[in-house]
Protein backbone atom coordinates (compact mmCIF):
# COMPACT_ATOMS: atom_id res chain seq x y z
CA MET A 1 -0.44 3.20 -21.50
CA PHE A 2 -2.51 1.90 -18.55
CA GLU A 3 -5.63 3.43 -20.07
CA GLU A 4 -7.95 0.74 -18.67
CA LEU A 5 -6.58 1.30 -15.18
CA LYS A 6 -7.05 5.04 -15.52
CA LYS A 7 -10.69 4.47 -16.49
CA LYS A 8 -11.13 2.60 -13.21
CA GLY A 9 -9.71 5.50 -11.24
CA PHE A 10 -6.12 4.34 -10.80
CA GLU A 11 -3.62 7.18 -10.58
CA ILE A 12 -0.61 6.71 -12.85
CA GLU A 13 2.54 8.81 -12.91
CA LEU A 14 5.74 8.18 -14.85
CA HIS A 15 9.03 9.97 -14.20
CA SER A 16 12.49 10.16 -15.78
CA HIS A 17 11.59 8.60 -19.13
CA ALA A 18 9.91 5.60 -17.51
CA ALA A 19 7.14 5.67 -20.13
CA ALA A 20 9.54 5.34 -23.06
CA ILE A 21 11.58 2.65 -21.30
CA LEU A 22 8.53 0.56 -20.41
CA GLU A 23 6.98 0.85 -23.87
CA LYS A 24 10.18 -0.11 -25.66
CA ASP A 25 11.82 -2.66 -23.37
CA PHE A 26 9.09 -3.93 -21.06
CA PRO A 27 5.71 -4.17 -22.82
CA GLU A 28 5.12 -7.46 -20.98
CA ALA A 29 5.46 -5.65 -17.67
CA ILE A 30 2.76 -3.18 -18.71
CA THR A 31 0.42 -6.04 -19.65
CA GLU A 32 1.08 -7.96 -16.44
CA LEU A 33 0.51 -4.93 -14.23
CA GLU A 34 -2.66 -3.95 -16.07
CA SER A 35 -4.02 -7.48 -15.72
CA THR A 36 -3.21 -8.03 -12.06
CA LEU A 37 -4.21 -4.57 -10.87
CA GLY A 38 -7.34 -4.48 -13.00
CA ALA A 39 -8.61 -7.58 -11.22
CA MET A 40 -7.84 -6.28 -7.73
CA ASP A 41 -10.67 -6.40 -5.21
CA VAL A 42 -10.53 -5.56 -1.50
CA PRO A 43 -13.72 -6.33 0.46
CA ILE A 44 -14.41 -3.74 3.16
CA THR A 45 -14.52 -6.56 5.73
CA GLU A 46 -10.85 -7.25 5.03
CA ILE A 47 -9.95 -3.61 5.61
CA ILE A 48 -11.87 -3.59 8.89
CA GLY A 49 -10.60 -6.99 10.00
CA SER A 50 -6.98 -6.29 9.22
CA GLY A 51 -7.07 -3.12 11.29
CA GLY A 52 -5.23 -1.25 8.56
CA GLY A 53 -2.36 -3.70 8.09
CA GLU A 54 -1.77 -5.48 4.82
CA SER A 55 -5.14 -6.52 3.46
CA LYS A 56 -5.88 -9.91 2.01
CA GLY A 57 -6.46 -8.09 -1.29
CA THR A 58 -2.87 -6.88 -1.19
CA GLN A 59 -1.72 -10.40 -0.40
CA ARG A 60 -3.68 -11.66 -3.41
CA LEU A 61 -2.00 -9.01 -5.55
CA ARG A 62 1.40 -10.20 -4.33
CA ARG A 63 0.54 -13.78 -5.23
CA ALA A 64 -0.77 -12.75 -8.64
CA LEU A 65 2.45 -10.86 -9.38
CA ALA A 66 4.56 -13.79 -8.16
CA ALA A 67 2.60 -16.12 -10.43
CA VAL A 68 3.74 -14.18 -13.52
CA GLY A 69 7.36 -13.90 -12.42
CA TRP A 70 7.53 -10.88 -10.09
CA ARG A 71 9.55 -12.45 -7.28
CA LYS A 72 11.40 -11.26 -4.19
CA VAL A 73 15.10 -10.57 -4.82
CA CYS A 74 17.90 -9.57 -2.50
CA PHE A 75 20.49 -7.53 -4.41
CA GLU A 76 24.01 -7.54 -3.02
CA ILE A 77 26.44 -4.91 -4.23
CA LYS A 78 30.10 -5.47 -3.38
CA LYS A 79 33.03 -3.14 -3.92
CA LEU A 80 36.48 -4.65 -4.31
CA ILE A 81 39.93 -3.09 -3.87
CA ASN A 82 42.70 -5.26 -5.34
CA GLY A 83 40.37 -8.21 -5.18
CA VAL A 84 39.50 -7.66 -1.53
CA ALA A 85 35.89 -6.91 -0.57
CA ARG A 86 35.76 -3.55 1.21
CA GLU A 87 32.06 -2.85 1.19
CA SER A 88 28.91 -4.91 0.77
CA ILE A 89 25.39 -3.48 0.68
CA SER A 90 22.21 -5.49 0.26
CA HIS A 91 18.85 -4.25 -0.98
CA GLU A 92 15.79 -6.48 -0.77
CA VAL A 93 12.92 -5.79 -3.15
CA ASP A 94 9.60 -7.61 -2.77
CA HIS A 95 8.85 -7.95 -6.49
CA VAL A 96 11.37 -8.02 -9.33
CA ARG A 97 10.62 -8.99 -12.93
CA GLU A 98 13.55 -10.13 -15.05
CA PHE A 99 13.48 -9.79 -18.82
CA PRO A 100 15.94 -10.80 -21.58
CA ASN A 101 19.46 -9.37 -21.44
CA ASN A 102 19.23 -9.22 -17.63
CA LYS A 103 16.95 -6.18 -17.67
CA LEU A 104 14.99 -5.82 -14.44
CA VAL A 105 11.95 -3.91 -13.18
CA ALA A 106 11.63 -3.58 -9.39
CA LEU A 107 8.30 -3.12 -7.60
CA GLU A 108 7.21 -2.38 -4.05
CA ILE A 109 3.67 -2.34 -2.63
CA GLU A 110 3.07 0.11 0.21
CA TRP A 111 -0.52 -0.50 1.31
CA ASN A 112 -0.30 0.86 4.84
CA ASN A 113 3.17 1.38 6.27
CA LYS A 114 4.61 4.43 7.98
CA ASP A 115 5.35 6.99 5.27
CA PRO A 116 9.20 6.94 5.71
CA PHE A 117 9.06 3.56 3.97
CA PHE A 118 8.70 5.57 0.75
CA ASP A 119 12.14 7.07 1.40
CA ARG A 120 13.57 3.57 1.82
CA ASP A 121 11.98 2.29 -1.40
CA LEU A 122 12.96 5.28 -3.51
CA GLU A 123 16.53 5.38 -2.23
CA ASN A 124 16.86 1.64 -2.87
CA PHE A 125 15.61 2.14 -6.43
CA LYS A 126 18.04 5.02 -6.92
CA ARG A 127 21.05 3.01 -5.77
CA LEU A 128 20.07 -0.05 -7.77
CA HIS A 129 19.53 2.05 -10.89
CA VAL A 130 22.85 3.85 -10.52
CA GLU A 131 24.59 0.48 -10.20
CA GLY A 132 22.83 -0.77 -13.33
CA ALA A 133 20.85 -3.41 -11.46
CA ILE A 134 17.34 -2.19 -12.43
CA SER A 135 15.87 -0.19 -15.29
CA VAL A 136 12.63 1.02 -13.68
CA GLY A 137 11.22 1.22 -10.15
CA VAL A 138 7.51 0.80 -9.46
CA ILE A 139 5.63 1.77 -6.30
CA ILE A 140 1.98 0.86 -5.70
CA THR A 141 0.15 2.60 -2.83
CA ARG A 142 -3.28 3.82 -1.75
CA GLY A 143 -4.45 6.44 -4.23
CA SER A 144 -5.85 9.80 -3.23
CA SER A 145 -9.47 8.70 -3.76
CA LEU A 146 -8.98 5.67 -1.51
CA GLN A 147 -7.30 7.77 1.16
CA ASP A 148 -9.89 10.55 0.96
CA GLU A 149 -12.87 8.19 0.93
CA MET A 150 -11.67 5.79 3.62
CA LEU A 151 -13.84 7.49 6.26
CA GLN A 152 -16.85 7.28 3.98
CA LEU A 153 -16.17 3.59 3.24
CA VAL A 154 -15.81 2.65 6.90
CA SER A 155 -18.86 4.75 7.78
CA ARG A 156 -20.89 2.85 5.22
CA PHE A 157 -19.74 -0.44 6.74
CA ALA A 158 -20.64 0.74 10.25
CA ALA A 159 -24.09 1.91 9.12
CA GLU A 160 -24.86 -1.27 7.17
CA ARG A 161 -23.79 -3.44 10.12
CA ASN A 162 -25.65 -1.20 12.59
CA ILE A 163 -22.63 -0.71 14.86
CA ARG A 164 -23.79 1.15 17.98
CA SER A 165 -21.63 -0.31 20.76
CA PHE A 166 -18.53 -2.33 21.53
CA ALA A 167 -20.84 -5.33 21.87
CA ASP A 168 -21.82 -4.89 18.20
CA LEU A 169 -18.12 -4.84 17.25
CA GLU A 170 -17.43 -7.93 19.31
CA ALA A 171 -20.33 -9.74 17.62
CA LEU A 172 -18.54 -9.13 14.32
CA GLY A 173 -15.28 -10.55 15.70
CA LEU A 174 -13.64 -7.20 16.45
CA ASP A 175 -12.00 -6.55 19.81
CA PRO A 176 -10.61 -3.01 20.13
CA THR A 177 -7.78 -2.52 22.61
CA LYS A 178 -8.16 -0.66 25.88
CA ARG A 179 -6.51 2.38 24.29
CA GLN A 180 -8.87 2.32 21.33
CA ARG A 181 -11.94 1.90 23.55
CA ALA A 182 -10.88 4.83 25.73
CA ALA A 183 -10.36 7.08 22.69
CA VAL A 184 -13.82 6.26 21.35
CA MET A 185 -15.60 6.74 24.67
CA LYS A 186 -13.82 10.03 25.28
CA ARG A 187 -15.62 11.47 22.25
CA VAL A 188 -18.93 9.82 23.13
CA GLU A 189 -18.96 10.99 26.76
CA ARG A 190 -17.43 14.46 26.49
CA LEU A 191 -19.55 17.37 27.70
CA ASN A 192 -18.96 19.60 24.68
CA ASN A 193 -20.20 18.33 21.33
CA PRO A 194 -20.41 14.60 22.11
CA VAL A 195 -20.92 12.27 19.14
CA ASP A 196 -22.72 8.97 18.78
CA PHE A 197 -20.80 5.72 19.15
CA GLN A 198 -20.88 4.87 15.45
CA THR A 199 -19.35 8.20 14.45
CA ALA A 200 -16.74 8.07 17.22
CA TRP A 201 -15.63 4.53 16.39
CA THR A 202 -15.53 5.16 12.64
CA SER A 203 -13.45 8.33 12.83
CA HIS A 204 -11.04 6.84 15.37
CA PHE A 205 -10.59 3.65 13.36
CA VAL A 206 -9.70 5.56 10.20
CA SER A 207 -7.41 8.10 11.87
CA ASP A 208 -5.72 5.39 13.93
CA LYS A 209 -5.08 3.00 11.07
CA PHE A 210 -5.04 5.08 7.88
CA GLY A 211 -3.79 8.44 9.11
CA ALA A 212 -1.96 11.15 7.21
CA ALA A 213 1.45 9.78 8.25
CA THR A 214 0.90 6.41 6.56
CA THR A 215 1.82 5.46 3.00
CA HIS A 216 -0.57 6.97 0.47
CA TRP A 217 -0.45 8.87 -2.81
CA ARG A 218 0.18 12.41 -1.56
CA LYS A 219 3.02 11.29 0.72
CA LEU A 220 4.62 9.50 -2.23
CA GLN A 221 4.26 12.54 -4.47
CA GLU A 222 5.88 14.74 -1.83
CA ARG A 223 9.00 12.60 -1.92
CA VAL A 224 9.20 12.37 -5.69
CA GLN A 225 8.67 16.12 -6.11
CA ARG A 226 11.59 16.69 -3.73
CA GLY A 227 13.75 14.50 -5.94
CA VAL A 228 13.92 11.43 -3.71
CA GLY A 229 14.81 8.49 -5.94
CA ASN A 230 15.95 10.67 -8.83
CA PRO A 231 17.24 9.84 -11.45
CA CYS A 232 15.74 6.33 -11.36
CA PRO A 233 12.87 6.05 -13.87
CA LEU A 234 9.71 5.59 -11.81
CA LEU A 235 6.19 4.28 -12.33
CA LEU A 236 3.84 5.33 -9.51
CA ILE A 237 0.42 3.69 -9.18
CA GLY A 238 -2.33 4.81 -6.80
CA LEU A 239 -5.06 2.31 -5.91
CA PRO A 240 -8.54 3.86 -6.18
CA ALA A 241 -11.53 3.65 -3.85
CA SER A 242 -13.27 1.61 -6.56
CA ILE A 243 -11.28 -1.51 -5.60
CA VAL A 244 -13.22 -1.71 -2.31
CA SER A 245 -16.30 -3.92 -2.48
CA PHE A 246 -19.24 -4.43 -0.12
CA ASP A 247 -21.01 -7.69 0.69
CA PRO A 248 -23.62 -7.35 3.45
CA HIS A 249 -23.22 -11.02 4.35
CA ALA A 250 -19.42 -11.24 4.35
CA ARG A 251 -17.73 -12.16 7.62
CA ILE A 252 -14.67 -10.60 9.19
CA ASP A 253 -12.14 -13.42 9.22
CA GLN A 254 -8.96 -11.77 10.45
CA VAL A 255 -8.47 -9.33 13.28
CA GLU A 256 -5.26 -7.44 14.03
CA GLN A 257 -6.26 -4.54 16.25
CA ASP A 258 -3.41 -4.47 18.72
CA ASP A 259 -1.10 -1.62 19.53
CA ALA A 260 1.97 -3.31 18.05
CA ASP A 261 4.05 -1.44 15.50
CA GLU A 262 2.72 -2.63 12.14
CA THR A 263 5.41 -1.13 9.94
CA GLY A 264 7.48 -4.27 9.41
CA ASP A 265 5.02 -6.38 7.42
CA ALA A 266 2.18 -4.02 6.64
CA GLY A 267 3.34 -3.48 3.08
């Protein structure tokens, strides 16, 4: 199962009999996920231009999933006492695939949110599974190789584009905030162990936008190992560094480097 994805470096974990359930009841889901994820490509310019928010590659993945029937659904669970509604809870899931006999697979993509969003997703899956609304929950996030190699990837971009000043960033369409500029220059101008501009900007960009407290594979594993989401059958997928591509002539089309909280729509 998912052997082609594994060959490409995707991390795959299945919990609580998810493998048996998917193979028996949802072979189409396996095929659809293998196809859409296997074609995923995220140019480094999109990662830089988005400032760490949801990349255009993630948006393309969402559209590809929607095209084969994985659509947003808002579940509403009501409890009645003598015919009177006493409690109503809603759970919105970004991608839900419905199969015959009203069997559902729910999926969330967490490209770069704050890591507590994993708690939200897993608890939602747990409640929906307990209520019989879904059979399996799927979470897609940055894999360990992508998280670990992000500094290397951004460093390669900075070297290839010869970034040596804020003017070079501005020429590419990037406009760091006052806070970001100050953090970079603090490392460049410090008396003890100063670093060059390229190194300072690269390390700050990665730590600022893809830090340890964002959604990535190890943070997801921590939750699952603690039992968050249990007993919902889970399929966890980590996106590898191999999905990032480099084009020396590609332009940065979108810039979102403000200090606003990006958790709401980062995905």
